[in-house]
Amino acid sequence: MMRGDRVLARCLGLAALGFVLMFVAHVLGLLGWMASEGRGFRPPYWWGYLLVYPAAAAIAARSTRVGWRQTALCICAPPIIYFLALGILEGAWLASDGALWGSLATLALTAFVAYLRRDKARL
């Protein structure tokens, strides 16, 4: 396999992981929503993304040969594409408490964590 094919395969693998992590983050969001029932503060539905994606990127940045930028972009692409599609196709720009903006904030945090956890020997 050529080098470009390997990078594409790794990126698609990280995107598949990002797709699975969407469900984990949604479960955390639902649990947070249920736990804050009747309280003054309710976390946004997308708060789980801020935990799950940076943690996964920290592991992936150290264990794959994909750079920190590509790791963050590939792993965060599924939720960004999903919430962007909701906005474009259904006009639901604020679906799930502004999850599009939450997924973009998650991308920034994920990129920061992946940058910090990158393998400096590969630079």
PDB file of N, CA and C in Angstrom:
ATOM      1  N   MET A   1       0.840  -1.171   0.000  1.00  0.00           N
ATOM      2  CA  MET A   1       0.000   0.000   0.000  1.00  0.00           C
ATOM      3  C   MET A   1       0.892   1.244   0.000  1.00  0.00           C
ATOM      4  N   MET A   2       0.515   2.240  -0.753  1.00  0.00           N
ATOM      5  CA  MET A   2       1.287   3.478  -0.815  1.00  0.00           C
ATOM      6  C   MET A   2       1.076   4.277   0.458  1.00  0.00           C
ATOM      7  N   ARG A   3       1.986   5.205   0.712  1.00  0.00           N
ATOM      8  CA  ARG A   3       1.926   5.999   1.933  1.00  0.00           C
ATOM      9  C   ARG A   3       0.611   6.770   2.049  1.00  0.00           C
ATOM     10  N   GLY A   4       0.159   7.368   0.961  1.00  0.00           N
ATOM     11  CA  GLY A   4      -1.102   8.112   0.986  1.00  0.00           C
ATOM     12  C   GLY A   4      -2.288   7.228   1.315  1.00  0.00           C
ATOM     13  N   ASP A   5      -2.248   5.999   0.828  1.00  0.00           N
ATOM     14  CA  ASP A   5      -3.326   5.057   1.135  1.00  0.00           C
ATOM     15  C   ASP A   5      -3.343   4.708   2.619  1.00  0.00           C
ATOM     16  N   ARG A   6      -2.156   4.571   3.206  1.00  0.00           N
ATOM     17  CA  ARG A   6      -2.079   4.266   4.642  1.00  0.00           C
ATOM     18  C   ARG A   6      -2.607   5.412   5.480  1.00  0.00           C
ATOM     19  N   VAL A   7      -2.247   6.620   5.105  1.00  0.00           N
ATOM     20  CA  VAL A   7      -2.725   7.794   5.851  1.00  0.00           C
ATOM     21  C   VAL A   7      -4.240   7.894   5.738  1.00  0.00           C
ATOM     22  N   LEU A   8      -4.771   7.668   4.531  1.00  0.00           N
ATOM     23  CA  LEU A   8      -6.221   7.698   4.340  1.00  0.00           C
ATOM     24  C   LEU A   8      -6.904   6.604   5.166  1.00  0.00           C
ATOM     25  N   ALA A   9      -6.320   5.419   5.183  1.00  0.00           N
ATOM     26  CA  ALA A   9      -6.897   4.315   5.960  1.00  0.00           C
ATOM     27  C   ALA A   9      -6.896   4.630   7.450  1.00  0.00           C
ATOM     28  N   ARG A  10      -5.801   5.228   7.929  1.00  0.00           N
ATOM     29  CA  ARG A  10      -5.746   5.605   9.353  1.00  0.00           C
ATOM     30  C   ARG A  10      -6.767   6.692   9.670  1.00  0.00           C
ATOM     31  N   CYS A  11      -6.898   7.651   8.760  1.00  0.00           N
ATOM     32  CA  CYS A  11      -7.872   8.728   8.980  1.00  0.00           C
ATOM     33  C   CYS A  11      -9.291   8.181   8.983  1.00  0.00           C
ATOM     34  N   LEU A  12      -9.585   7.276   8.074  1.00  0.00           N
ATOM     35  CA  LEU A  12     -10.922   6.670   8.062  1.00  0.00           C
ATOM     36  C   LEU A  12     -11.162   5.841   9.315  1.00  0.00           C
ATOM     37  N   GLY A  13     -10.126   5.182   9.810  1.00  0.00           N
ATOM     38  CA  GLY A  13     -10.249   4.448  11.066  1.00  0.00           C
ATOM     39  C   GLY A  13     -10.538   5.372  12.233  1.00  0.00           C
ATOM     40  N   LEU A  14      -9.851   6.515  12.274  1.00  0.00           N
ATOM     41  CA  LEU A  14     -10.112   7.494  13.330  1.00  0.00           C
ATOM     42  C   LEU A  14     -11.506   8.098  13.196  1.00  0.00           C
ATOM     43  N   ALA A  15     -11.956   8.305  11.964  1.00  0.00           N
ATOM     44  CA  ALA A  15     -13.312   8.820  11.755  1.00  0.00           C
ATOM     45  C   ALA A  15     -14.346   7.798  12.212  1.00  0.00           C
ATOM     46  N   ALA A  16     -14.092   6.517  11.967  1.00  0.00           N
ATOM     47  CA  ALA A  16     -15.004   5.473  12.446  1.00  0.00           C
ATOM     48  C   ALA A  16     -15.039   5.471  13.969  1.00  0.00           C
ATOM     49  N   LEU A  17     -13.881   5.646  14.584  1.00  0.00           N
ATOM     50  CA  LEU A  17     -13.838   5.760  16.041  1.00  0.00           C
ATOM     51  C   LEU A  17     -14.633   6.977  16.496  1.00  0.00           C
ATOM     52  N   GLY A  18     -14.478   8.090  15.789  1.00  0.00           N
ATOM     53  CA  GLY A  18     -15.234   9.299  16.127  1.00  0.00           C
ATOM     54  C   GLY A  18     -16.732   9.093  16.024  1.00  0.00           C
ATOM     55  N   PHE A  19     -17.159   8.292  15.051  1.00  0.00           N
ATOM     56  CA  PHE A  19     -18.582   7.983  14.905  1.00  0.00           C
ATOM     57  C   PHE A  19     -19.081   7.186  16.110  1.00  0.00           C
ATOM     58  N   VAL A  20     -18.323   6.196  16.531  1.00  0.00           N
ATOM     59  CA  VAL A  20     -18.703   5.391  17.700  1.00  0.00           C
ATOM     60  C   VAL A  20     -18.710   6.255  18.964  1.00  0.00           C
ATOM     61  N   LEU A  21     -17.732   7.156  19.066  1.00  0.00           N
ATOM     62  CA  LEU A  21     -17.658   8.018  20.241  1.00  0.00           C
ATOM     63  C   LEU A  21     -18.844   8.970  20.344  1.00  0.00           C
ATOM     64  N   MET A  22     -19.486   9.255  19.213  1.00  0.00           N
ATOM     65  CA  MET A  22     -20.693  10.084  19.265  1.00  0.00           C
ATOM     66  C   MET A  22     -21.740   9.447  20.167  1.00  0.00           C
ATOM     67  N   PHE A  23     -21.890   8.140  20.080  1.00  0.00           N
ATOM     68  CA  PHE A  23     -22.881   7.446  20.900  1.00  0.00           C
ATOM     69  C   PHE A  23     -22.487   7.465  22.373  1.00  0.00           C
ATOM     70  N   VAL A  24     -21.194   7.313  22.645  1.00  0.00           N
ATOM     71  CA  VAL A  24     -20.714   7.386  24.026  1.00  0.00           C
ATOM     72  C   VAL A  24     -20.984   8.782  24.587  1.00  0.00           C
ATOM     73  N   ALA A  25     -20.688   9.803  23.808  1.00  0.00           N
ATOM     74  CA  ALA A  25     -20.911  11.180  24.248  1.00  0.00           C
ATOM     75  C   ALA A  25     -22.398  11.462  24.435  1.00  0.00           C
ATOM     76  N   HIS A  26     -23.233  10.894  23.580  1.00  0.00           N
ATOM     77  CA  HIS A  26     -24.682  11.091  23.735  1.00  0.00           C
ATOM     78  C   HIS A  26     -25.192  10.425  25.005  1.00  0.00           C
ATOM     79  N   VAL A  27     -24.665   9.258  25.332  1.00  0.00           N
ATOM     80  CA  VAL A  27     -25.056   8.589  26.581  1.00  0.00           C
ATOM     81  C   VAL A  27     -24.643   9.445  27.773  1.00  0.00           C
ATOM     82  N   LEU A  28     -23.424   9.991  27.743  1.00  0.00           N
ATOM     83  CA  LEU A  28     -22.994  10.883  28.821  1.00  0.00           C
ATOM     84  C   LEU A  28     -23.873  12.129  28.894  1.00  0.00           C
ATOM     85  N   GLY A  29     -24.213  12.670  27.733  1.00  0.00           N
ATOM     86  CA  GLY A  29     -25.100  13.837  27.712  1.00  0.00           C
ATOM     87  C   GLY A  29     -26.456  13.529  28.307  1.00  0.00           C
ATOM     88  N   LEU A  30     -27.001  12.377  27.971  1.00  0.00           N
ATOM     89  CA  LEU A  30     -28.289  11.966  28.521  1.00  0.00           C
ATOM     90  C   LEU A  30     -28.207  11.755  30.030  1.00  0.00           C
ATOM     91  N   LEU A  31     -27.130  11.124  30.481  1.00  0.00           N
ATOM     92  CA  LEU A  31     -26.954  10.922  31.921  1.00  0.00           C
ATOM     93  C   LEU A  31     -26.823  12.251  32.658  1.00  0.00           C
ATOM     94  N   GLY A  32     -26.072  13.173  32.088  1.00  0.00           N
ATOM     95  CA  GLY A  32     -25.946  14.498  32.692  1.00  0.00           C
ATOM     96  C   GLY A  32     -27.266  15.240  32.723  1.00  0.00           C
ATOM     97  N   TRP A  33     -28.043  15.089  31.665  1.00  0.00           N
ATOM     98  CA  TRP A  33     -29.349  15.734  31.587  1.00  0.00           C
ATOM     99  C   TRP A  33     -30.289  15.160  32.647  1.00  0.00           C
ATOM    100  N   MET A  34     -30.279  13.839  32.787  1.00  0.00           N
ATOM    101  CA  MET A  34     -31.153  13.194  33.777  1.00  0.00           C
ATOM    102  C   MET A  34     -30.691  13.493  35.200  1.00  0.00           C
ATOM    103  N   ALA A  35     -29.383  13.542  35.437  1.00  0.00           N
ATOM    104  CA  ALA A  35     -28.864  13.803  36.776  1.00  0.00           C
ATOM    105  C   ALA A  35     -29.126  15.232  37.231  1.00  0.00           C
ATOM    106  N   SER A  36     -29.298  16.141  36.292  1.00  0.00           N
ATOM    107  CA  SER A  36     -29.523  17.542  36.663  1.00  0.00           C
ATOM    108  C   SER A  36     -31.004  17.923  36.626  1.00  0.00           C
ATOM    109  N   GLU A  37     -31.867  16.944  36.554  1.00  0.00           N
ATOM    110  CA  GLU A  37     -33.321  17.194  36.537  1.00  0.00           C
ATOM    111  C   GLU A  37     -33.731  17.989  37.773  1.00  0.00           C
ATOM    112  N   GLY A  38     -34.417  19.096  37.561  1.00  0.00           N
ATOM    113  CA  GLY A  38     -34.927  19.915  38.657  1.00  0.00           C
ATOM    114  C   GLY A  38     -33.887  20.786  39.327  1.00  0.00           C
ATOM    115  N   ARG A  39     -32.705  20.860  38.821  1.00  0.00           N
ATOM    116  CA  ARG A  39     -31.651  21.693  39.411  1.00  0.00           C
ATOM    117  C   ARG A  39     -31.545  23.003  38.645  1.00  0.00           C
ATOM    118  N   GLY A  40     -30.875  23.948  39.228  1.00  0.00           N
ATOM    119  CA  GLY A  40     -30.734  25.253  38.599  1.00  0.00           C
ATOM    120  C   GLY A  40     -29.866  25.246  37.357  1.00  0.00           C
ATOM    121  N   PHE A  41     -28.882  24.376  37.326  1.00  0.00           N
ATOM    122  CA  PHE A  41     -27.967  24.323  36.182  1.00  0.00           C
ATOM    123  C   PHE A  41     -28.101  22.981  35.487  1.00  0.00           C
ATOM    124  N   ARG A  42     -28.255  23.024  34.186  1.00  0.00           N
ATOM    125  CA  ARG A  42     -28.275  21.806  33.373  1.00  0.00           C
ATOM    126  C   ARG A  42     -27.161  21.922  32.347  1.00  0.00           C
ATOM    127  N   PRO A  43     -26.256  20.949  32.318  1.00  0.00           N
ATOM    128  CA  PRO A  43     -25.167  21.033  31.343  1.00  0.00           C
ATOM    129  C   PRO A  43     -25.713  20.907  29.929  1.00  0.00           C
ATOM    130  N   PRO A  44     -25.023  21.499  28.965  1.00  0.00           N
ATOM    131  CA  PRO A  44     -25.478  21.320  27.583  1.00  0.00           C
ATOM    132  C   PRO A  44     -25.375  19.850  27.203  1.00  0.00           C
ATOM    133  N   TYR A  45     -26.189  19.457  26.257  1.00  0.00           N
ATOM    134  CA  TYR A  45     -26.252  18.054  25.881  1.00  0.00           C
ATOM    135  C   TYR A  45     -24.927  17.537  25.334  1.00  0.00           C
ATOM    136  N   TRP A  46     -24.111  18.412  24.806  1.00  0.00           N
ATOM    137  CA  TRP A  46     -22.864  18.005  24.168  1.00  0.00           C
ATOM    138  C   TRP A  46     -21.669  18.013  25.117  1.00  0.00           C
ATOM    139  N   TRP A  47     -21.871  18.151  26.408  1.00  0.00           N
ATOM    140  CA  TRP A  47     -20.747  18.237  27.338  1.00  0.00           C
ATOM    141  C   TRP A  47     -19.876  16.982  27.319  1.00  0.00           C
ATOM    142  N   GLY A  48     -20.470  15.827  27.037  1.00  0.00           N
ATOM    143  CA  GLY A  48     -19.713  14.581  26.986  1.00  0.00           C
ATOM    144  C   GLY A  48     -18.656  14.572  25.896  1.00  0.00           C
ATOM    145  N   TYR A  49     -18.897  15.325  24.823  1.00  0.00           N
ATOM    146  CA  TYR A  49     -17.917  15.424  23.734  1.00  0.00           C
ATOM    147  C   TYR A  49     -16.607  16.002  24.248  1.00  0.00           C
ATOM    148  N   LEU A  50     -16.698  16.955  25.180  1.00  0.00           N
ATOM    149  CA  LEU A  50     -15.507  17.605  25.718  1.00  0.00           C
ATOM    150  C   LEU A  50     -14.644  16.655  26.546  1.00  0.00           C
ATOM    151  N   LEU A  51     -15.228  15.550  26.987  1.00  0.00           N
ATOM    152  CA  LEU A  51     -14.468  14.549  27.727  1.00  0.00           C
ATOM    153  C   LEU A  51     -13.950  13.434  26.833  1.00  0.00           C
ATOM    154  N   VAL A  52     -14.828  12.909  26.001  1.00  0.00           N
ATOM    155  CA  VAL A  52     -14.557  11.695  25.247  1.00  0.00           C
ATOM    156  C   VAL A  52     -13.550  11.927  24.115  1.00  0.00           C
ATOM    157  N   TYR A  53     -13.757  12.947  23.313  1.00  0.00           N
ATOM    158  CA  TYR A  53     -12.913  13.150  22.134  1.00  0.00           C
ATOM    159  C   TYR A  53     -11.472  13.534  22.476  1.00  0.00           C
ATOM    160  N   PRO A  54     -11.230  14.463  23.396  1.00  0.00           N
ATOM    161  CA  PRO A  54      -9.824  14.735  23.739  1.00  0.00           C
ATOM    162  C   PRO A  54      -9.117  13.518  24.339  1.00  0.00           C
ATOM    163  N   ALA A  55      -9.832  12.725  25.136  1.00  0.00           N
ATOM    164  CA  ALA A  55      -9.214  11.522  25.703  1.00  0.00           C
ATOM    165  C   ALA A  55      -8.835  10.540  24.598  1.00  0.00           C
ATOM    166  N   ALA A  56      -9.723  10.344  23.647  1.00  0.00           N
ATOM    167  CA  ALA A  56      -9.432   9.435  22.533  1.00  0.00           C
ATOM    168  C   ALA A  56      -8.290   9.972  21.676  1.00  0.00           C
ATOM    169  N   ALA A  57      -8.262  11.276  21.463  1.00  0.00           N
ATOM    170  CA  ALA A  57      -7.185  11.873  20.656  1.00  0.00           C
ATOM    171  C   ALA A  57      -5.846  11.770  21.361  1.00  0.00           C
ATOM    172  N   ALA A  58      -5.837  11.878  22.691  1.00  0.00           N
ATOM    173  CA  ALA A  58      -4.588  11.740  23.438  1.00  0.00           C
ATOM    174  C   ALA A  58      -3.996  10.355  23.235  1.00  0.00           C
ATOM    175  N   ILE A  59      -4.849   9.349  23.226  1.00  0.00           N
ATOM    176  CA  ILE A  59      -4.390   7.975  22.998  1.00  0.00           C
ATOM    177  C   ILE A  59      -3.966   7.797  21.542  1.00  0.00           C
ATOM    178  N   ALA A  60      -4.780   8.281  20.635  1.00  0.00           N
ATOM    179  CA  ALA A  60      -4.491   8.105  19.203  1.00  0.00           C
ATOM    180  C   ALA A  60      -3.244   8.867  18.776  1.00  0.00           C
ATOM    181  N   ALA A  61      -3.015  10.040  19.340  1.00  0.00           N
ATOM    182  CA  ALA A  61      -1.844  10.838  18.959  1.00  0.00           C
ATOM    183  C   ALA A  61      -0.549  10.137  19.339  1.00  0.00           C
ATOM    184  N   ARG A  62      -0.593   9.345  20.382  1.00  0.00           N
ATOM    185  CA  ARG A  62       0.602   8.618  20.814  1.00  0.00           C
ATOM    186  C   ARG A  62       0.744   7.256  20.140  1.00  0.00           C
ATOM    187  N   SER A  63      -0.359   6.686  19.681  1.00  0.00           N
ATOM    188  CA  SER A  63      -0.305   5.305  19.196  1.00  0.00           C
ATOM    189  C   SER A  63      -0.442   5.150  17.685  1.00  0.00           C
ATOM    190  N   THR A  64      -0.714   6.210  16.963  1.00  0.00           N
ATOM    191  CA  THR A  64      -0.816   6.118  15.508  1.00  0.00           C
ATOM    192  C   THR A  64       0.257   6.978  14.864  1.00  0.00           C
ATOM    193  N   ARG A  65       0.458   6.784  13.595  1.00  0.00           N
ATOM    194  CA  ARG A  65       1.446   7.570  12.866  1.00  0.00           C
ATOM    195  C   ARG A  65       0.803   8.768  12.160  1.00  0.00           C
ATOM    196  N   VAL A  66      -0.396   9.084  12.528  1.00  0.00           N
ATOM    197  CA  VAL A  66      -1.074  10.249  11.972  1.00  0.00           C
ATOM    198  C   VAL A  66      -0.708  11.437  12.857  1.00  0.00           C
ATOM    199  N   GLY A  67      -0.440  12.584  12.262  1.00  0.00           N
ATOM    200  CA  GLY A  67      -0.062  13.775  13.019  1.00  0.00           C
ATOM    201  C   GLY A  67      -1.194  14.272  13.905  1.00  0.00           C
ATOM    202  N   TRP A  68      -0.853  15.179  14.801  1.00  0.00           N
ATOM    203  CA  TRP A  68      -1.840  15.654  15.769  1.00  0.00           C
ATOM    204  C   TRP A  68      -2.983  16.397  15.094  1.00  0.00           C
ATOM    205  N   ARG A  69      -2.708  17.155  14.029  1.00  0.00           N
ATOM    206  CA  ARG A  69      -3.784  17.874  13.329  1.00  0.00           C
ATOM    207  C   ARG A  69      -4.752  16.905  12.673  1.00  0.00           C
ATOM    208  N   GLN A  70      -4.186  15.937  11.974  1.00  0.00           N
ATOM    209  CA  GLN A  70      -5.017  14.952  11.295  1.00  0.00           C
ATOM    210  C   GLN A  70      -5.799  14.115  12.302  1.00  0.00           C
ATOM    211  N   THR A  71      -5.168  13.793  13.425  1.00  0.00           N
ATOM    212  CA  THR A  71      -5.863  13.034  14.467  1.00  0.00           C
ATOM    213  C   THR A  71      -7.095  13.795  14.938  1.00  0.00           C
ATOM    214  N   ALA A  72      -6.913  15.069  15.264  1.00  0.00           N
ATOM    215  CA  ALA A  72      -8.035  15.874  15.763  1.00  0.00           C
ATOM    216  C   ALA A  72      -9.116  16.035  14.697  1.00  0.00           C
ATOM    217  N   LEU A  73      -8.708  16.341  13.462  1.00  0.00           N
ATOM    218  CA  LEU A  73      -9.694  16.550  12.398  1.00  0.00           C
ATOM    219  C   LEU A  73     -10.446  15.262  12.052  1.00  0.00           C
ATOM    220  N   CYS A  74      -9.730  14.161  11.951  1.00  0.00           N
ATOM    221  CA  CYS A  74     -10.385  12.896  11.559  1.00  0.00           C
ATOM    222  C   CYS A  74     -11.307  12.376  12.647  1.00  0.00           C
ATOM    223  N   ILE A  75     -10.893  12.487  13.899  1.00  0.00           N
ATOM    224  CA  ILE A  75     -11.707  11.942  14.984  1.00  0.00           C
ATOM    225  C   ILE A  75     -12.929  12.828  15.259  1.00  0.00           C
ATOM    226  N   CYS A  76     -12.808  14.129  15.020  1.00  0.00           N
ATOM    227  CA  CYS A  76     -13.927  15.049  15.287  1.00  0.00           C
ATOM    228  C   CYS A  76     -14.807  15.292  14.065  1.00  0.00           C
ATOM    229  N   ALA A  77     -14.427  14.771  12.922  1.00  0.00           N
ATOM    230  CA  ALA A  77     -15.210  15.009  11.702  1.00  0.00           C
ATOM    231  C   ALA A  77     -16.644  14.487  11.780  1.00  0.00           C
ATOM    232  N   PRO A  78     -16.904  13.278  12.288  1.00  0.00           N
ATOM    233  CA  PRO A  78     -18.294  12.786  12.289  1.00  0.00           C
ATOM    234  C   PRO A  78     -19.290  13.686  13.026  1.00  0.00           C
ATOM    235  N   PRO A  79     -19.020  14.131  14.270  1.00  0.00           N
ATOM    236  CA  PRO A  79     -20.023  14.988  14.897  1.00  0.00           C
ATOM    237  C   PRO A  79     -20.172  16.345  14.215  1.00  0.00           C
ATOM    238  N   ILE A  80     -19.071  16.903  13.728  1.00  0.00           N
ATOM    239  CA  ILE A  80     -19.161  18.196  13.047  1.00  0.00           C
ATOM    240  C   ILE A  80     -19.995  18.061  11.779  1.00  0.00           C
ATOM    241  N   ILE A  81     -19.726  17.030  11.003  1.00  0.00           N
ATOM    242  CA  ILE A  81     -20.494  16.813   9.771  1.00  0.00           C
ATOM    243  C   ILE A  81     -21.959  16.550  10.095  1.00  0.00           C
ATOM    244  N   TYR A  82     -22.211  15.765  11.127  1.00  0.00           N
ATOM    245  CA  TYR A  82     -23.592  15.440  11.501  1.00  0.00           C
ATOM    246  C   TYR A  82     -24.369  16.695  11.900  1.00  0.00           C
ATOM    247  N   PHE A  83     -23.809  17.492  12.806  1.00  0.00           N
ATOM    248  CA  PHE A  83     -24.537  18.675  13.269  1.00  0.00           C
ATOM    249  C   PHE A  83     -24.596  19.763  12.202  1.00  0.00           C
ATOM    250  N   LEU A  84     -23.598  19.839  11.350  1.00  0.00           N
ATOM    251  CA  LEU A  84     -23.652  20.767  10.220  1.00  0.00           C
ATOM    252  C   LEU A  84     -24.748  20.345   9.252  1.00  0.00           C
ATOM    253  N   ALA A  85     -24.861  19.038   9.010  1.00  0.00           N
ATOM    254  CA  ALA A  85     -25.921  18.532   8.126  1.00  0.00           C
ATOM    255  C   ALA A  85     -27.303  18.808   8.719  1.00  0.00           C
ATOM    256  N   LEU A  86     -27.445  18.674  10.045  1.00  0.00           N
ATOM    257  CA  LEU A  86     -28.733  19.009  10.676  1.00  0.00           C
ATOM    258  C   LEU A  86     -29.083  20.469  10.421  1.00  0.00           C
ATOM    259  N   GLY A  87     -28.088  21.330  10.510  1.00  0.00           N
ATOM    260  CA  GLY A  87     -28.345  22.741  10.271  1.00  0.00           C
ATOM    261  C   GLY A  87     -28.711  23.035   8.834  1.00  0.00           C
ATOM    262  N   ILE A  88     -27.998  22.433   7.906  1.00  0.00           N
ATOM    263  CA  ILE A  88     -28.239  22.704   6.485  1.00  0.00           C
ATOM    264  C   ILE A  88     -29.529  22.060   6.001  1.00  0.00           C
ATOM    265  N   LEU A  89     -29.696  20.786   6.302  1.00  0.00           N
ATOM    266  CA  LEU A  89     -30.830  20.043   5.757  1.00  0.00           C
ATOM    267  C   LEU A  89     -32.138  20.298   6.488  1.00  0.00           C
ATOM    268  N   GLU A  90     -32.077  20.468   7.796  1.00  0.00           N
ATOM    269  CA  GLU A  90     -33.303  20.608   8.575  1.00  0.00           C
ATOM    270  C   GLU A  90     -33.464  21.984   9.205  1.00  0.00           C
ATOM    271  N   GLY A  91     -32.474  22.840   9.054  1.00  0.00           N
ATOM    272  CA  GLY A  91     -32.546  24.158   9.660  1.00  0.00           C
ATOM    273  C   GLY A  91     -32.427  24.117  11.174  1.00  0.00           C
ATOM    274  N   ALA A  92     -31.945  23.010  11.725  1.00  0.00           N
ATOM    275  CA  ALA A  92     -31.823  22.835  13.170  1.00  0.00           C
ATOM    276  C   ALA A  92     -30.422  23.232  13.616  1.00  0.00           C
ATOM    277  N   TRP A  93     -30.104  24.525  13.502  1.00  0.00           N
ATOM    278  CA  TRP A  93     -28.770  24.998  13.826  1.00  0.00           C
ATOM    279  C   TRP A  93     -28.477  24.922  15.314  1.00  0.00           C
ATOM    280  N   LEU A  94     -29.479  24.969  16.135  1.00  0.00           N
ATOM    281  CA  LEU A  94     -29.268  24.902  17.581  1.00  0.00           C
ATOM    282  C   LEU A  94     -29.698  23.563  18.155  1.00  0.00           C
ATOM    283  N   ALA A  95     -29.687  22.511  17.348  1.00  0.00           N
ATOM    284  CA  ALA A  95     -30.074  21.178  17.813  1.00  0.00           C
ATOM    285  C   ALA A  95     -29.202  20.776  18.997  1.00  0.00           C
ATOM    286  N   SER A  96     -29.823  20.176  19.979  1.00  0.00           N
ATOM    287  CA  SER A  96     -29.122  19.691  21.175  1.00  0.00           C
ATOM    288  C   SER A  96     -28.287  20.793  21.820  1.00  0.00           C
ATOM    289  N   ASP A  97     -28.903  21.889  22.134  1.00  0.00           N
ATOM    290  CA  ASP A  97     -28.249  22.995  22.843  1.00  0.00           C
ATOM    291  C   ASP A  97     -27.026  23.538  22.111  1.00  0.00           C
ATOM    292  N   GLY A  98     -27.142  23.721  20.824  1.00  0.00           N
ATOM    293  CA  GLY A  98     -26.037  24.283  20.052  1.00  0.00           C
ATOM    294  C   GLY A  98     -24.879  23.322  19.877  1.00  0.00           C
ATOM    295  N   ALA A  99     -25.185  22.079  19.588  1.00  0.00           N
ATOM    296  CA  ALA A  99     -24.155  21.045  19.505  1.00  0.00           C
ATOM    297  C   ALA A  99     -23.143  21.295  18.384  1.00  0.00           C
ATOM    298  N   LEU A 100     -23.521  22.010  17.328  1.00  0.00           N
ATOM    299  CA  LEU A 100     -22.541  22.331  16.287  1.00  0.00           C
ATOM    300  C   LEU A 100     -21.412  23.157  16.889  1.00  0.00           C
ATOM    301  N   TRP A 101     -21.767  24.168  17.669  1.00  0.00           N
ATOM    302  CA  TRP A 101     -20.738  24.999  18.298  1.00  0.00           C
ATOM    303  C   TRP A 101     -19.975  24.194  19.343  1.00  0.00           C
ATOM    304  N   GLY A 102     -20.669  23.296  20.016  1.00  0.00           N
ATOM    305  CA  GLY A 102     -20.005  22.421  20.972  1.00  0.00           C
ATOM    306  C   GLY A 102     -19.028  21.472  20.302  1.00  0.00           C
ATOM    307  N   SER A 103     -19.396  20.972  19.132  1.00  0.00           N
ATOM    308  CA  SER A 103     -18.485  20.070  18.426  1.00  0.00           C
ATOM    309  C   SER A 103     -17.276  20.831  17.881  1.00  0.00           C
ATOM    310  N   LEU A 104     -17.458  22.098  17.518  1.00  0.00           N
ATOM    311  CA  LEU A 104     -16.312  22.907  17.080  1.00  0.00           C
ATOM    312  C   LEU A 104     -15.397  23.238  18.261  1.00  0.00           C
ATOM    313  N   ALA A 105     -15.987  23.502  19.421  1.00  0.00           N
ATOM    314  CA  ALA A 105     -15.179  23.706  20.629  1.00  0.00           C
ATOM    315  C   ALA A 105     -14.441  22.423  20.994  1.00  0.00           C
ATOM    316  N   THR A 106     -15.104  21.294  20.791  1.00  0.00           N
ATOM    317  CA  THR A 106     -14.470  20.004  21.050  1.00  0.00           C
ATOM    318  C   THR A 106     -13.293  19.784  20.109  1.00  0.00           C
ATOM    319  N   LEU A 107     -13.440  20.182  18.839  1.00  0.00           N
ATOM    320  CA  LEU A 107     -12.332  20.074  17.887  1.00  0.00           C
ATOM    321  C   LEU A 107     -11.139  20.881  18.377  1.00  0.00           C
ATOM    322  N   ALA A 108     -11.377  22.097  18.848  1.00  0.00           N
ATOM    323  CA  ALA A 108     -10.278  22.936  19.335  1.00  0.00           C
ATOM    324  C   ALA A 108      -9.603  22.291  20.548  1.00  0.00           C
ATOM    325  N   LEU A 109     -10.382  21.808  21.493  1.00  0.00           N
ATOM    326  CA  LEU A 109      -9.817  21.167  22.674  1.00  0.00           C
ATOM    327  C   LEU A 109      -9.102  19.866  22.303  1.00  0.00           C
ATOM    328  N   THR A 110      -9.683  19.114  21.383  1.00  0.00           N
ATOM    329  CA  THR A 110      -9.081  17.860  20.937  1.00  0.00           C
ATOM    330  C   THR A 110      -7.750  18.116  20.237  1.00  0.00           C
ATOM    331  N   ALA A 111      -7.694  19.135  19.406  1.00  0.00           N
ATOM    332  CA  ALA A 111      -6.440  19.484  18.727  1.00  0.00           C
ATOM    333  C   ALA A 111      -5.376  19.894  19.741  1.00  0.00           C
ATOM    334  N   PHE A 112      -5.774  20.650  20.744  1.00  0.00           N
ATOM    335  CA  PHE A 112      -4.837  21.082  21.786  1.00  0.00           C
ATOM    336  C   PHE A 112      -4.282  19.881  22.547  1.00  0.00           C
ATOM    337  N   VAL A 113      -5.161  18.979  22.939  1.00  0.00           N
ATOM    338  CA  VAL A 113      -4.727  17.780  23.669  1.00  0.00           C
ATOM    339  C   VAL A 113      -3.856  16.891  22.790  1.00  0.00           C
ATOM    340  N   ALA A 114      -4.243  16.698  21.530  1.00  0.00           N
ATOM    341  CA  ALA A 114      -3.435  15.884  20.614  1.00  0.00           C
ATOM    342  C   ALA A 114      -2.063  16.514  20.403  1.00  0.00           C
ATOM    343  N   TYR A 115      -2.017  17.837  20.337  1.00  0.00           N
ATOM    344  CA  TYR A 115      -0.735  18.532  20.192  1.00  0.00           C
ATOM    345  C   TYR A 115       0.157  18.277  21.406  1.00  0.00           C
ATOM    346  N   LEU A 116      -0.423  18.364  22.588  1.00  0.00           N
ATOM    347  CA  LEU A 116       0.350  18.137  23.805  1.00  0.00           C
ATOM    348  C   LEU A 116       0.816  16.689  23.931  1.00  0.00           C
ATOM    349  N   ARG A 117       0.022  15.756  23.436  1.00  0.00           N
ATOM    350  CA  ARG A 117       0.320  14.334  23.589  1.00  0.00           C
ATOM    351  C   ARG A 117       1.020  13.723  22.382  1.00  0.00           C
ATOM    352  N   ARG A 118       1.373  14.523  21.396  1.00  0.00           N
ATOM    353  CA  ARG A 118       2.001  13.977  20.192  1.00  0.00           C
ATOM    354  C   ARG A 118       3.332  13.341  20.545  1.00  0.00           C
ATOM    355  N   ASP A 119       3.767  12.468  19.700  1.00  0.00           N
ATOM    356  CA  ASP A 119       5.057  11.802  19.874  1.00  0.00           C
ATOM    357  C   ASP A 119       6.134  12.714  19.324  1.00  0.00           C
ATOM    358  N   LYS A 120       6.885  13.334  20.179  1.00  0.00           N
ATOM    359  CA  LYS A 120       7.881  14.310  19.745  1.00  0.00           C
ATOM    360  C   LYS A 120       9.011  13.681  18.944  1.00  0.00           C
ATOM    361  N   ALA A 121       9.190  12.391  19.068  1.00  0.00           N
ATOM    362  CA  ALA A 121      10.230  11.714  18.306  1.00  0.00           C
ATOM    363  C   ALA A 121       9.911  11.665  16.816  1.00  0.00           C
ATOM    364  N   ARG A 122       8.627  11.771  16.463  1.00  0.00           N
ATOM    365  CA  ARG A 122       8.229  11.709  15.052  1.00  0.00           C
ATOM    366  C   ARG A 122       8.307  13.059  14.376  1.00  0.00           C
ATOM    367  N   LEU A 123       8.584  14.120  15.117  1.00  0.00           N
ATOM    368  CA  LEU A 123       8.610  15.461  14.536  1.00  0.00           C
ATOM    369  C   LEU A 123       9.817  15.695  13.731  1.00  0.00           C
TER     370      LEU A 123
END
